[in-house]
Amino acid sequence: MTLLRCGVMVVSLAKAKAWIKAHWNWLVLVGLFCLAYVLGKKSSGTLLAQATIAKDQYKKESQEIERVAREKNNRDKKNTNRTKEIIKKIEEKKEKDLSRLETDIDADQVFRNLGIDER
């Protein structure tokens, strides 16, 4: 019986060897696909981690840019209001000076100050 089993096993090995010899290219392709899948699976995990980190960094940068833009808008509003106040004060001073000049000006006095006498 053991001899029979040995013979069956030898025949099976011979059949397997013949099949492998005939289909070696398909076996190589299947092996390469399996290898690519295993290697790709490892790198996809790192790519996912990198994408998550990049997304978080983008969100932080976006929030920082929005905060800086809000601060700039507030600063610009303050500067605009301050400029308007300064312009208003200058105009009030100008009006006050003009009204004072109009009341203070006497043509005869100006001529006398210049050294021009009446004739």
PDB file of N, CA and C in Angstrom:
ATOM      1  N   MET A   1       0.797  -1.187   0.000  1.00  0.00           N
ATOM      2  CA  MET A   1       0.000   0.000   0.000  1.00  0.00           C
ATOM      3  C   MET A   1       0.846   1.259   0.000  1.00  0.00           C
ATOM      4  N   THR A   2       1.876   1.220   0.730  1.00  0.00           N
ATOM      5  CA  THR A   2       2.727   2.398   0.792  1.00  0.00           C
ATOM      6  C   THR A   2       3.381   2.648  -0.565  1.00  0.00           C
ATOM      7  N   LEU A   3       3.668   1.548  -1.274  1.00  0.00           N
ATOM      8  CA  LEU A   3       4.250   1.691  -2.582  1.00  0.00           C
ATOM      9  C   LEU A   3       3.246   2.312  -3.549  1.00  0.00           C
ATOM     10  N   LEU A   4       2.014   1.962  -3.391  1.00  0.00           N
ATOM     11  CA  LEU A   4       0.962   2.506  -4.230  1.00  0.00           C
ATOM     12  C   LEU A   4       0.790   3.997  -3.968  1.00  0.00           C
ATOM     13  N   ARG A   5       0.860   4.330  -2.679  1.00  0.00           N
ATOM     14  CA  ARG A   5       0.735   5.757  -2.334  1.00  0.00           C
ATOM     15  C   ARG A   5       1.928   6.540  -2.877  1.00  0.00           C
ATOM     16  N   CYS A   6       3.069   5.963  -2.800  1.00  0.00           N
ATOM     17  CA  CYS A   6       4.278   6.613  -3.306  1.00  0.00           C
ATOM     18  C   CYS A   6       4.156   6.802  -4.819  1.00  0.00           C
ATOM     19  N   GLY A   7       3.642   5.843  -5.499  1.00  0.00           N
ATOM     20  CA  GLY A   7       3.478   5.928  -6.944  1.00  0.00           C
ATOM     21  C   GLY A   7       2.465   6.985  -7.328  1.00  0.00           C
ATOM     22  N   VAL A   8       1.391   7.063  -6.565  1.00  0.00           N
ATOM     23  CA  VAL A   8       0.364   8.076  -6.832  1.00  0.00           C
ATOM     24  C   VAL A   8       0.943   9.467  -6.610  1.00  0.00           C
ATOM     25  N   MET A   9       1.756   9.576  -5.556  1.00  0.00           N
ATOM     26  CA  MET A   9       2.347  10.860  -5.247  1.00  0.00           C
ATOM     27  C   MET A   9       3.351  11.270  -6.336  1.00  0.00           C
ATOM     28  N   VAL A  10       4.100  10.323  -6.849  1.00  0.00           N
ATOM     29  CA  VAL A  10       5.066  10.610  -7.911  1.00  0.00           C
ATOM     30  C   VAL A  10       4.325  11.047  -9.163  1.00  0.00           C
ATOM     31  N   VAL A  11       3.218  10.352  -9.471  1.00  0.00           N
ATOM     32  CA  VAL A  11       2.422  10.710 -10.646  1.00  0.00           C
ATOM     33  C   VAL A  11       1.835  12.102 -10.454  1.00  0.00           C
ATOM     34  N   SER A  12       1.359  12.418  -9.246  1.00  0.00           N
ATOM     35  CA  SER A  12       0.784  13.727  -8.967  1.00  0.00           C
ATOM     36  C   SER A  12       1.839  14.818  -9.097  1.00  0.00           C
ATOM     37  N   LEU A  13       3.035  14.535  -8.615  1.00  0.00           N
ATOM     38  CA  LEU A  13       4.115  15.523  -8.733  1.00  0.00           C
ATOM     39  C   LEU A  13       4.502  15.741 -10.188  1.00  0.00           C
ATOM     40  N   ALA A  14       4.484  14.658 -10.958  1.00  0.00           N
ATOM     41  CA  ALA A  14       4.809  14.771 -12.383  1.00  0.00           C
ATOM     42  C   ALA A  14       3.747  15.600 -13.104  1.00  0.00           C
ATOM     43  N   LYS A  15       2.474  15.384 -12.762  1.00  0.00           N
ATOM     44  CA  LYS A  15       1.391  16.160 -13.376  1.00  0.00           C
ATOM     45  C   LYS A  15       1.506  17.631 -12.974  1.00  0.00           C
ATOM     46  N   ALA A  16       1.802  17.890 -11.708  1.00  0.00           N
ATOM     47  CA  ALA A  16       1.924  19.265 -11.230  1.00  0.00           C
ATOM     48  C   ALA A  16       3.088  19.962 -11.935  1.00  0.00           C
ATOM     49  N   LYS A  17       4.203  19.239 -12.099  1.00  0.00           N
ATOM     50  CA  LYS A  17       5.368  19.806 -12.767  1.00  0.00           C
ATOM     51  C   LYS A  17       5.035  20.137 -14.211  1.00  0.00           C
ATOM     52  N   ALA A  18       4.338  19.253 -14.897  1.00  0.00           N
ATOM     53  CA  ALA A  18       3.959  19.489 -16.292  1.00  0.00           C
ATOM     54  C   ALA A  18       2.999  20.688 -16.395  1.00  0.00           C
ATOM     55  N   TRP A  19       2.061  20.782 -15.469  1.00  0.00           N
ATOM     56  CA  TRP A  19       1.103  21.893 -15.496  1.00  0.00           C
ATOM     57  C   TRP A  19       1.817  23.231 -15.243  1.00  0.00           C
ATOM     58  N   ILE A  20       2.735  23.237 -14.285  1.00  0.00           N
ATOM     59  CA  ILE A  20       3.483  24.451 -13.967  1.00  0.00           C
ATOM     60  C   ILE A  20       4.335  24.868 -15.167  1.00  0.00           C
ATOM     61  N   LYS A  21       4.955  23.909 -15.835  1.00  0.00           N
ATOM     62  CA  LYS A  21       5.778  24.196 -16.999  1.00  0.00           C
ATOM     63  C   LYS A  21       4.931  24.779 -18.125  1.00  0.00           C
ATOM     64  N   ALA A  22       3.725  24.311 -18.282  1.00  0.00           N
ATOM     65  CA  ALA A  22       2.861  24.790 -19.351  1.00  0.00           C
ATOM     66  C   ALA A  22       2.255  26.160 -19.037  1.00  0.00           C
ATOM     67  N   HIS A  23       2.019  26.448 -17.790  1.00  0.00           N
ATOM     68  CA  HIS A  23       1.320  27.686 -17.413  1.00  0.00           C
ATOM     69  C   HIS A  23       2.187  28.610 -16.545  1.00  0.00           C
ATOM     70  N   TRP A  24       3.472  28.586 -16.731  1.00  0.00           N
ATOM     71  CA  TRP A  24       4.367  29.360 -15.866  1.00  0.00           C
ATOM     72  C   TRP A  24       4.100  30.853 -15.964  1.00  0.00           C
ATOM     73  N   ASN A  25       3.733  31.338 -17.171  1.00  0.00           N
ATOM     74  CA  ASN A  25       3.520  32.777 -17.320  1.00  0.00           C
ATOM     75  C   ASN A  25       2.315  33.265 -16.505  1.00  0.00           C
ATOM     76  N   TRP A  26       1.259  32.459 -16.415  1.00  0.00           N
ATOM     77  CA  TRP A  26       0.095  32.840 -15.595  1.00  0.00           C
ATOM     78  C   TRP A  26       0.439  32.827 -14.105  1.00  0.00           C
ATOM     79  N   LEU A  27       1.226  31.876 -13.709  1.00  0.00           N
ATOM     80  CA  LEU A  27       1.646  31.827 -12.304  1.00  0.00           C
ATOM     81  C   LEU A  27       2.485  33.047 -11.930  1.00  0.00           C
ATOM     82  N   VAL A  28       3.355  33.454 -12.835  1.00  0.00           N
ATOM     83  CA  VAL A  28       4.179  34.643 -12.580  1.00  0.00           C
ATOM     84  C   VAL A  28       3.293  35.879 -12.475  1.00  0.00           C
ATOM     85  N   LEU A  29       2.332  36.022 -13.373  1.00  0.00           N
ATOM     86  CA  LEU A  29       1.420  37.176 -13.339  1.00  0.00           C
ATOM     87  C   LEU A  29       0.609  37.219 -12.048  1.00  0.00           C
ATOM     88  N   VAL A  30       0.068  36.089 -11.659  1.00  0.00           N
ATOM     89  CA  VAL A  30      -0.709  36.043 -10.408  1.00  0.00           C
ATOM     90  C   VAL A  30       0.181  36.394  -9.219  1.00  0.00           C
ATOM     91  N   GLY A  31       1.402  35.888  -9.215  1.00  0.00           N
ATOM     92  CA  GLY A  31       2.351  36.207  -8.139  1.00  0.00           C
ATOM     93  C   GLY A  31       2.673  37.695  -8.103  1.00  0.00           C
ATOM     94  N   LEU A  32       2.867  38.308  -9.261  1.00  0.00           N
ATOM     95  CA  LEU A  32       3.158  39.741  -9.315  1.00  0.00           C
ATOM     96  C   LEU A  32       1.968  40.579  -8.856  1.00  0.00           C
ATOM     97  N   PHE A  33       0.773  40.157  -9.247  1.00  0.00           N
ATOM     98  CA  PHE A  33      -0.424  40.877  -8.782  1.00  0.00           C
ATOM     99  C   PHE A  33      -0.552  40.803  -7.267  1.00  0.00           C
ATOM    100  N   CYS A  34      -0.301  39.640  -6.729  1.00  0.00           N
ATOM    101  CA  CYS A  34      -0.368  39.491  -5.258  1.00  0.00           C
ATOM    102  C   CYS A  34       0.683  40.362  -4.575  1.00  0.00           C
ATOM    103  N   LEU A  35       1.893  40.375  -5.122  1.00  0.00           N
ATOM    104  CA  LEU A  35       2.968  41.189  -4.565  1.00  0.00           C
ATOM    105  C   LEU A  35       2.628  42.685  -4.661  1.00  0.00           C
ATOM    106  N   ALA A  36       2.109  43.106  -5.807  1.00  0.00           N
ATOM    107  CA  ALA A  36       1.734  44.514  -5.982  1.00  0.00           C
ATOM    108  C   ALA A  36       0.618  44.905  -5.017  1.00  0.00           C
ATOM    109  N   TYR A  37      -0.327  44.004  -4.807  1.00  0.00           N
ATOM    110  CA  TYR A  37      -1.418  44.288  -3.875  1.00  0.00           C
ATOM    111  C   TYR A  37      -0.893  44.474  -2.454  1.00  0.00           C
ATOM    112  N   VAL A  38      -0.029  43.578  -2.026  1.00  0.00           N
ATOM    113  CA  VAL A  38       0.514  43.648  -0.665  1.00  0.00           C
ATOM    114  C   VAL A  38       1.344  44.912  -0.485  1.00  0.00           C
ATOM    115  N   LEU A  39       2.210  45.213  -1.450  1.00  0.00           N
ATOM    116  CA  LEU A  39       3.044  46.409  -1.344  1.00  0.00           C
ATOM    117  C   LEU A  39       2.212  47.690  -1.464  1.00  0.00           C
ATOM    118  N   GLY A  40       1.212  47.668  -2.330  1.00  0.00           N
ATOM    119  CA  GLY A  40       0.341  48.834  -2.505  1.00  0.00           C
ATOM    120  C   GLY A  40      -0.509  49.091  -1.293  1.00  0.00           C
ATOM    121  N   LYS A  41      -0.910  48.059  -0.613  1.00  0.00           N
ATOM    122  CA  LYS A  41      -1.742  48.216   0.582  1.00  0.00           C
ATOM    123  C   LYS A  41      -0.965  48.936   1.681  1.00  0.00           C
ATOM    124  N   LYS A  42       0.310  48.629   1.822  1.00  0.00           N
ATOM    125  CA  LYS A  42       1.130  49.287   2.835  1.00  0.00           C
ATOM    126  C   LYS A  42       1.300  50.770   2.516  1.00  0.00           C
ATOM    127  N   SER A  43       1.580  51.076   1.258  1.00  0.00           N
ATOM    128  CA  SER A  43       1.812  52.478   0.898  1.00  0.00           C
ATOM    129  C   SER A  43       0.512  53.278   0.907  1.00  0.00           C
ATOM    130  N   SER A  44      -0.613  52.616   0.671  1.00  0.00           N
ATOM    131  CA  SER A  44      -1.877  53.349   0.696  1.00  0.00           C
ATOM    132  C   SER A  44      -2.192  53.831   2.105  1.00  0.00           C
ATOM    133  N   GLY A  45      -1.787  53.083   3.094  1.00  0.00           N
ATOM    134  CA  GLY A  45      -1.985  53.522   4.482  1.00  0.00           C
ATOM    135  C   GLY A  45      -1.178  54.774   4.782  1.00  0.00           C
ATOM    136  N   THR A  46       0.067  54.805   4.312  1.00  0.00           N
ATOM    137  CA  THR A  46       0.887  55.997   4.541  1.00  0.00           C
ATOM    138  C   THR A  46       0.366  57.176   3.729  1.00  0.00           C
ATOM    139  N   LEU A  47      -0.120  56.909   2.515  1.00  0.00           N
ATOM    140  CA  LEU A  47      -0.695  57.990   1.713  1.00  0.00           C
ATOM    141  C   LEU A  47      -1.941  58.560   2.385  1.00  0.00           C
ATOM    142  N   LEU A  48      -2.751  57.697   2.966  1.00  0.00           N
ATOM    143  CA  LEU A  48      -3.941  58.163   3.674  1.00  0.00           C
ATOM    144  C   LEU A  48      -3.554  59.013   4.878  1.00  0.00           C
ATOM    145  N   ALA A  49      -2.539  58.589   5.596  1.00  0.00           N
ATOM    146  CA  ALA A  49      -2.069  59.371   6.749  1.00  0.00           C
ATOM    147  C   ALA A  49      -1.542  60.726   6.294  1.00  0.00           C
ATOM    148  N   GLN A  50      -0.777  60.756   5.196  1.00  0.00           N
ATOM    149  CA  GLN A  50      -0.263  62.020   4.677  1.00  0.00           C
ATOM    150  C   GLN A  50      -1.400  62.922   4.217  1.00  0.00           C
ATOM    151  N   ALA A  51      -2.407  62.346   3.574  1.00  0.00           N
ATOM    152  CA  ALA A  51      -3.546  63.140   3.117  1.00  0.00           C
ATOM    153  C   ALA A  51      -4.310  63.730   4.304  1.00  0.00           C
ATOM    154  N   THR A  52      -4.461  62.968   5.362  1.00  0.00           N
ATOM    155  CA  THR A  52      -5.142  63.457   6.563  1.00  0.00           C
ATOM    156  C   THR A  52      -4.356  64.602   7.193  1.00  0.00           C
ATOM    157  N   ILE A  53      -3.049  64.447   7.279  1.00  0.00           N
ATOM    158  CA  ILE A  53      -2.206  65.511   7.840  1.00  0.00           C
ATOM    159  C   ILE A  53      -2.294  66.767   6.973  1.00  0.00           C
ATOM    160  N   ALA A  54      -2.249  66.595   5.657  1.00  0.00           N
ATOM    161  CA  ALA A  54      -2.335  67.738   4.747  1.00  0.00           C
ATOM    162  C   ALA A  54      -3.684  68.441   4.881  1.00  0.00           C
ATOM    163  N   LYS A  55      -4.748  67.673   5.027  1.00  0.00           N
ATOM    164  CA  LYS A  55      -6.090  68.251   5.193  1.00  0.00           C
ATOM    165  C   LYS A  55      -6.164  69.064   6.484  1.00  0.00           C
ATOM    166  N   ASP A  56      -5.649  68.516   7.576  1.00  0.00           N
ATOM    167  CA  ASP A  56      -5.646  69.235   8.846  1.00  0.00           C
ATOM    168  C   ASP A  56      -4.822  70.512   8.748  1.00  0.00           C
ATOM    169  N   GLN A  57      -3.674  70.425   8.100  1.00  0.00           N
ATOM    170  CA  GLN A  57      -2.813  71.603   7.923  1.00  0.00           C
ATOM    171  C   GLN A  57      -3.534  72.658   7.086  1.00  0.00           C
ATOM    172  N   TYR A  58      -4.241  72.231   6.032  1.00  0.00           N
ATOM    173  CA  TYR A  58      -4.986  73.157   5.185  1.00  0.00           C
ATOM    174  C   TYR A  58      -6.062  73.865   5.994  1.00  0.00           C
ATOM    175  N   LYS A  59      -6.767  73.132   6.852  1.00  0.00           N
ATOM    176  CA  LYS A  59      -7.814  73.740   7.674  1.00  0.00           C
ATOM    177  C   LYS A  59      -7.218  74.783   8.619  1.00  0.00           C
ATOM    178  N   LYS A  60      -6.079  74.446   9.240  1.00  0.00           N
ATOM    179  CA  LYS A  60      -5.429  75.388  10.151  1.00  0.00           C
ATOM    180  C   LYS A  60      -4.999  76.651   9.405  1.00  0.00           C
ATOM    181  N   GLU A  61      -4.392  76.474   8.243  1.00  0.00           N
ATOM    182  CA  GLU A  61      -3.955  77.624   7.461  1.00  0.00           C
ATOM    183  C   GLU A  61      -5.135  78.465   7.018  1.00  0.00           C
ATOM    184  N   SER A  62      -6.215  77.814   6.619  1.00  0.00           N
ATOM    185  CA  SER A  62      -7.412  78.533   6.193  1.00  0.00           C
ATOM    186  C   SER A  62      -7.983  79.361   7.339  1.00  0.00           C
ATOM    187  N   GLN A  63      -8.069  78.780   8.527  1.00  0.00           N
ATOM    188  CA  GLN A  63      -8.569  79.511   9.679  1.00  0.00           C
ATOM    189  C   GLN A  63      -7.653  80.684  10.028  1.00  0.00           C
ATOM    190  N   GLU A  64      -6.359  80.477   9.916  1.00  0.00           N
ATOM    191  CA  GLU A  64      -5.400  81.545  10.220  1.00  0.00           C
ATOM    192  C   GLU A  64      -5.532  82.686   9.214  1.00  0.00           C
ATOM    193  N   ILE A  65      -5.701  82.350   7.951  1.00  0.00           N
ATOM    194  CA  ILE A  65      -5.862  83.371   6.918  1.00  0.00           C
ATOM    195  C   ILE A  65      -7.145  84.157   7.157  1.00  0.00           C
ATOM    196  N   GLU A  66      -8.230  83.469   7.520  1.00  0.00           N
ATOM    197  CA  GLU A  66      -9.488  84.159   7.807  1.00  0.00           C
ATOM    198  C   GLU A  66      -9.349  85.083   9.013  1.00  0.00           C
ATOM    199  N   ARG A  67      -8.637  84.623  10.047  1.00  0.00           N
ATOM    200  CA  ARG A  67      -8.438  85.445  11.244  1.00  0.00           C
ATOM    201  C   ARG A  67      -7.643  86.706  10.900  1.00  0.00           C
ATOM    202  N   VAL A  68      -6.578  86.537  10.117  1.00  0.00           N
ATOM    203  CA  VAL A  68      -5.754  87.679   9.724  1.00  0.00           C
ATOM    204  C   VAL A  68      -6.565  88.649   8.863  1.00  0.00           C
ATOM    205  N   ALA A  69      -7.403  88.123   7.979  1.00  0.00           N
ATOM    206  CA  ALA A  69      -8.240  88.981   7.130  1.00  0.00           C
ATOM    207  C   ALA A  69      -9.232  89.777   7.978  1.00  0.00           C
ATOM    208  N   ARG A  70      -9.830  89.127   8.997  1.00  0.00           N
ATOM    209  CA  ARG A  70     -10.759  89.847   9.884  1.00  0.00           C
ATOM    210  C   ARG A  70     -10.030  90.960  10.636  1.00  0.00           C
ATOM    211  N   GLU A  71      -8.833  90.643  11.145  1.00  0.00           N
ATOM    212  CA  GLU A  71      -8.051  91.656  11.859  1.00  0.00           C
ATOM    213  C   GLU A  71      -7.707  92.824  10.940  1.00  0.00           C
ATOM    214  N   LYS A  72      -7.358  92.520   9.699  1.00  0.00           N
ATOM    215  CA  LYS A  72      -7.016  93.570   8.739  1.00  0.00           C
ATOM    216  C   LYS A  72      -8.233  94.436   8.450  1.00  0.00           C
ATOM    217  N   ASN A  73      -9.397  93.815   8.284  1.00  0.00           N
ATOM    218  CA  ASN A  73     -10.614  94.584   8.039  1.00  0.00           C
ATOM    219  C   ASN A  73     -10.924  95.495   9.218  1.00  0.00           C
ATOM    220  N   ASN A  74     -10.793  94.981  10.436  1.00  0.00           N
ATOM    221  CA  ASN A  74     -11.029  95.813  11.620  1.00  0.00           C
ATOM    222  C   ASN A  74     -10.035  96.968  11.680  1.00  0.00           C
ATOM    223  N   ARG A  75      -8.778  96.686  11.406  1.00  0.00           N
ATOM    224  CA  ARG A  75      -7.752  97.722  11.412  1.00  0.00           C
ATOM    225  C   ARG A  75      -8.040  98.767  10.339  1.00  0.00           C
ATOM    226  N   ASP A  76      -8.465  98.324   9.155  1.00  0.00           N
ATOM    227  CA  ASP A  76      -8.791  99.260   8.078  1.00  0.00           C
ATOM    228  C   ASP A  76      -9.989 100.126   8.442  1.00  0.00           C
ATOM    229  N   LYS A  77     -10.992  99.536   9.097  1.00  0.00           N
ATOM    230  CA  LYS A  77     -12.161 100.315   9.525  1.00  0.00           C
ATOM    231  C   LYS A  77     -11.749 101.379  10.541  1.00  0.00           C
ATOM    232  N   LYS A  78     -10.897 100.977  11.498  1.00  0.00           N
ATOM    233  CA  LYS A  78     -10.419 101.949  12.488  1.00  0.00           C
ATOM    234  C   LYS A  78      -9.668 103.088  11.805  1.00  0.00           C
ATOM    235  N   ASN A  79      -8.787 102.725  10.867  1.00  0.00           N
ATOM    236  CA  ASN A  79      -8.020 103.749  10.163  1.00  0.00           C
ATOM    237  C   ASN A  79      -8.924 104.664   9.338  1.00  0.00           C
ATOM    238  N   THR A  80      -9.938 104.087   8.710  1.00  0.00           N
ATOM    239  CA  THR A  80     -10.876 104.884   7.917  1.00  0.00           C
ATOM    240  C   THR A  80     -11.640 105.850   8.820  1.00  0.00           C
ATOM    241  N   ASN A  81     -12.129 105.340   9.957  1.00  0.00           N
ATOM    242  CA  ASN A  81     -12.851 106.207  10.889  1.00  0.00           C
ATOM    243  C   ASN A  81     -11.942 107.308  11.424  1.00  0.00           C
ATOM    244  N   ARG A  82     -10.740 106.954  11.748  1.00  0.00           N
ATOM    245  CA  ARG A  82      -9.778 107.934  12.264  1.00  0.00           C
ATOM    246  C   ARG A  82      -9.471 108.988  11.204  1.00  0.00           C
ATOM    247  N   THR A  83      -9.303 108.542   9.958  1.00  0.00           N
ATOM    248  CA  THR A  83      -9.042 109.479   8.866  1.00  0.00           C
ATOM    249  C   THR A  83     -10.216 110.434   8.678  1.00  0.00           C
ATOM    250  N   LYS A  84     -11.432 109.906   8.749  1.00  0.00           N
ATOM    251  CA  LYS A  84     -12.618 110.759   8.612  1.00  0.00           C
ATOM    252  C   LYS A  84     -12.680 111.791   9.736  1.00  0.00           C
ATOM    253  N   GLU A  85     -12.357 111.347  10.954  1.00  0.00           N
ATOM    254  CA  GLU A  85     -12.357 112.279  12.083  1.00  0.00           C
ATOM    255  C   GLU A  85     -11.318 113.380  11.880  1.00  0.00           C
ATOM    256  N   ILE A  86     -10.137 112.999  11.429  1.00  0.00           N
ATOM    257  CA  ILE A  86      -9.069 113.986  11.202  1.00  0.00           C
ATOM    258  C   ILE A  86      -9.474 114.963  10.100  1.00  0.00           C
ATOM    259  N   ILE A  87     -10.045 114.448   9.022  1.00  0.00           N
ATOM    260  CA  ILE A  87     -10.500 115.312   7.935  1.00  0.00           C
ATOM    261  C   ILE A  87     -11.577 116.267   8.435  1.00  0.00           C
ATOM    262  N   LYS A  88     -12.492 115.763   9.247  1.00  0.00           N
ATOM    263  CA  LYS A  88     -13.558 116.597   9.789  1.00  0.00           C
ATOM    264  C   LYS A  88     -12.975 117.710  10.671  1.00  0.00           C
ATOM    265  N   LYS A  89     -12.004 117.359  11.524  1.00  0.00           N
ATOM    266  CA  LYS A  89     -11.364 118.365  12.375  1.00  0.00           C
ATOM    267  C   LYS A  89     -10.632 119.412  11.545  1.00  0.00           C
ATOM    268  N   ILE A  90      -9.944 118.960  10.498  1.00  0.00           N
ATOM    269  CA  ILE A  90      -9.227 119.898   9.633  1.00  0.00           C
ATOM    270  C   ILE A  90     -10.200 120.848   8.943  1.00  0.00           C
ATOM    271  N   GLU A  91     -11.306 120.293   8.447  1.00  0.00           N
ATOM    272  CA  GLU A  91     -12.303 121.139   7.786  1.00  0.00           C
ATOM    273  C   GLU A  91     -12.918 122.133   8.767  1.00  0.00           C
ATOM    274  N   GLU A  92     -13.196 121.682  10.007  1.00  0.00           N
ATOM    275  CA  GLU A  92     -13.742 122.596  11.007  1.00  0.00           C
ATOM    276  C   GLU A  92     -12.748 123.704  11.315  1.00  0.00           C
ATOM    277  N   LYS A  93     -11.492 123.351  11.437  1.00  0.00           N
ATOM    278  CA  LYS A  93     -10.452 124.352  11.705  1.00  0.00           C
ATOM    279  C   LYS A  93     -10.334 125.318  10.538  1.00  0.00           C
ATOM    280  N   LYS A  94     -10.426 124.779   9.325  1.00  0.00           N
ATOM    281  CA  LYS A  94     -10.347 125.622   8.131  1.00  0.00           C
ATOM    282  C   LYS A  94     -11.515 126.608   8.095  1.00  0.00           C
ATOM    283  N   GLU A  95     -12.710 126.128   8.382  1.00  0.00           N
ATOM    284  CA  GLU A  95     -13.900 127.004   8.412  1.00  0.00           C
ATOM    285  C   GLU A  95     -13.747 128.080   9.485  1.00  0.00           C
ATOM    286  N   LYS A  96     -13.259 127.650  10.636  1.00  0.00           N
ATOM    287  CA  LYS A  96     -13.076 128.593  11.742  1.00  0.00           C
ATOM    288  C   LYS A  96     -12.045 129.663  11.376  1.00  0.00           C
ATOM    289  N   ASP A  97     -10.931 129.219  10.774  1.00  0.00           N
ATOM    290  CA  ASP A  97      -9.898 130.171  10.366  1.00  0.00           C
ATOM    291  C   ASP A  97     -10.409 131.117   9.286  1.00  0.00           C
ATOM    292  N   LEU A  98     -11.170 130.581   8.335  1.00  0.00           N
ATOM    293  CA  LEU A  98     -11.721 131.430   7.273  1.00  0.00           C
ATOM    294  C   LEU A  98     -12.697 132.460   7.837  1.00  0.00           C
ATOM    295  N   SER A  99     -13.556 132.009   8.740  1.00  0.00           N
ATOM    296  CA  SER A  99     -14.516 132.952   9.325  1.00  0.00           C
ATOM    297  C   SER A  99     -13.791 134.015  10.147  1.00  0.00           C
ATOM    298  N   ARG A 100     -12.736 133.634  10.829  1.00  0.00           N
ATOM    299  CA  ARG A 100     -11.960 134.593  11.609  1.00  0.00           C
ATOM    300  C   ARG A 100     -11.249 135.579  10.694  1.00  0.00           C
ATOM    301  N   LEU A 101     -10.712 135.089   9.581  1.00  0.00           N
ATOM    302  CA  LEU A 101     -10.041 135.965   8.629  1.00  0.00           C
ATOM    303  C   LEU A 101     -11.021 136.956   8.013  1.00  0.00           C
ATOM    304  N   GLU A 102     -12.215 136.483   7.706  1.00  0.00           N
ATOM    305  CA  GLU A 102     -13.206 137.370   7.089  1.00  0.00           C
ATOM    306  C   GLU A 102     -13.599 138.499   8.042  1.00  0.00           C
ATOM    307  N   THR A 103     -13.680 138.193   9.316  1.00  0.00           N
ATOM    308  CA  THR A 103     -14.068 139.236  10.274  1.00  0.00           C
ATOM    309  C   THR A 103     -12.897 140.148  10.623  1.00  0.00           C
ATOM    310  N   ASP A 104     -11.680 139.641  10.554  1.00  0.00           N
ATOM    311  CA  ASP A 104     -10.513 140.431  10.933  1.00  0.00           C
ATOM    312  C   ASP A 104      -9.986 141.320   9.823  1.00  0.00           C
ATOM    313  N   ILE A 105     -10.349 141.045   8.595  1.00  0.00           N
ATOM    314  CA  ILE A 105      -9.756 141.781   7.481  1.00  0.00           C
ATOM    315  C   ILE A 105     -10.450 143.132   7.310  1.00  0.00           C
ATOM    316  N   ASP A 106      -9.621 144.149   7.331  1.00  0.00           N
ATOM    317  CA  ASP A 106     -10.066 145.505   7.007  1.00  0.00           C
ATOM    318  C   ASP A 106      -9.110 145.982   5.929  1.00  0.00           C
ATOM    319  N   ALA A 107      -9.609 146.326   4.778  1.00  0.00           N
ATOM    320  CA  ALA A 107      -8.762 146.672   3.638  1.00  0.00           C
ATOM    321  C   ALA A 107      -7.853 147.858   3.946  1.00  0.00           C
ATOM    322  N   ASP A 108      -8.380 148.889   4.602  1.00  0.00           N
ATOM    323  CA  ASP A 108      -7.552 150.062   4.927  1.00  0.00           C
ATOM    324  C   ASP A 108      -6.406 149.675   5.851  1.00  0.00           C
ATOM    325  N   GLN A 109      -6.668 148.790   6.825  1.00  0.00           N
ATOM    326  CA  GLN A 109      -5.638 148.365   7.756  1.00  0.00           C
ATOM    327  C   GLN A 109      -4.562 147.557   7.036  1.00  0.00           C
ATOM    328  N   VAL A 110      -4.961 146.715   6.092  1.00  0.00           N
ATOM    329  CA  VAL A 110      -4.001 145.919   5.328  1.00  0.00           C
ATOM    330  C   VAL A 110      -3.091 146.845   4.529  1.00  0.00           C
ATOM    331  N   PHE A 111      -3.674 147.849   3.889  1.00  0.00           N
ATOM    332  CA  PHE A 111      -2.861 148.788   3.104  1.00  0.00           C
ATOM    333  C   PHE A 111      -1.901 149.551   3.998  1.00  0.00           C
ATOM    334  N   ARG A 112      -2.362 149.951   5.172  1.00  0.00           N
ATOM    335  CA  ARG A 112      -1.495 150.669   6.096  1.00  0.00           C
ATOM    336  C   ARG A 112      -0.358 149.788   6.576  1.00  0.00           C
ATOM    337  N   ASN A 113      -0.674 148.521   6.803  1.00  0.00           N
ATOM    338  CA  ASN A 113       0.355 147.566   7.249  1.00  0.00           C
ATOM    339  C   ASN A 113       1.402 147.359   6.162  1.00  0.00           C
ATOM    340  N   LEU A 114       1.000 147.461   4.932  1.00  0.00           N
ATOM    341  CA  LEU A 114       1.926 147.295   3.829  1.00  0.00           C
ATOM    342  C   LEU A 114       2.721 148.576   3.543  1.00  0.00           C
ATOM    343  N   GLY A 115       2.305 149.657   4.155  1.00  0.00           N
ATOM    344  CA  GLY A 115       3.031 150.926   3.958  1.00  0.00           C
ATOM    345  C   GLY A 115       2.427 151.777   2.858  1.00  0.00           C
ATOM    346  N   ILE A 116       1.218 151.469   2.474  1.00  0.00           N
ATOM    347  CA  ILE A 116       0.539 152.234   1.446  1.00  0.00           C
ATOM    348  C   ILE A 116      -0.422 153.193   2.151  1.00  0.00           C
ATOM    349  N   ASP A 117      -0.227 154.490   1.854  1.00  0.00           N
ATOM    350  CA  ASP A 117      -1.101 155.509   2.480  1.00  0.00           C
ATOM    351  C   ASP A 117      -2.249 155.825   1.522  1.00  0.00           C
ATOM    352  N   GLU A 118      -3.311 156.366   2.126  1.00  0.00           N
ATOM    353  CA  GLU A 118      -4.466 156.756   1.328  1.00  0.00           C
ATOM    354  C   GLU A 118      -4.155 158.039   0.610  1.00  0.00           C
ATOM    355  N   ARG A 119      -4.685 158.209  -0.559  1.00  0.00           N
ATOM    356  CA  ARG A 119      -4.481 159.459  -1.284  1.00  0.00           C
ATOM    357  C   ARG A 119      -5.755 160.127  -1.510  1.00  0.00           C
TER     358      ARG A 119
END
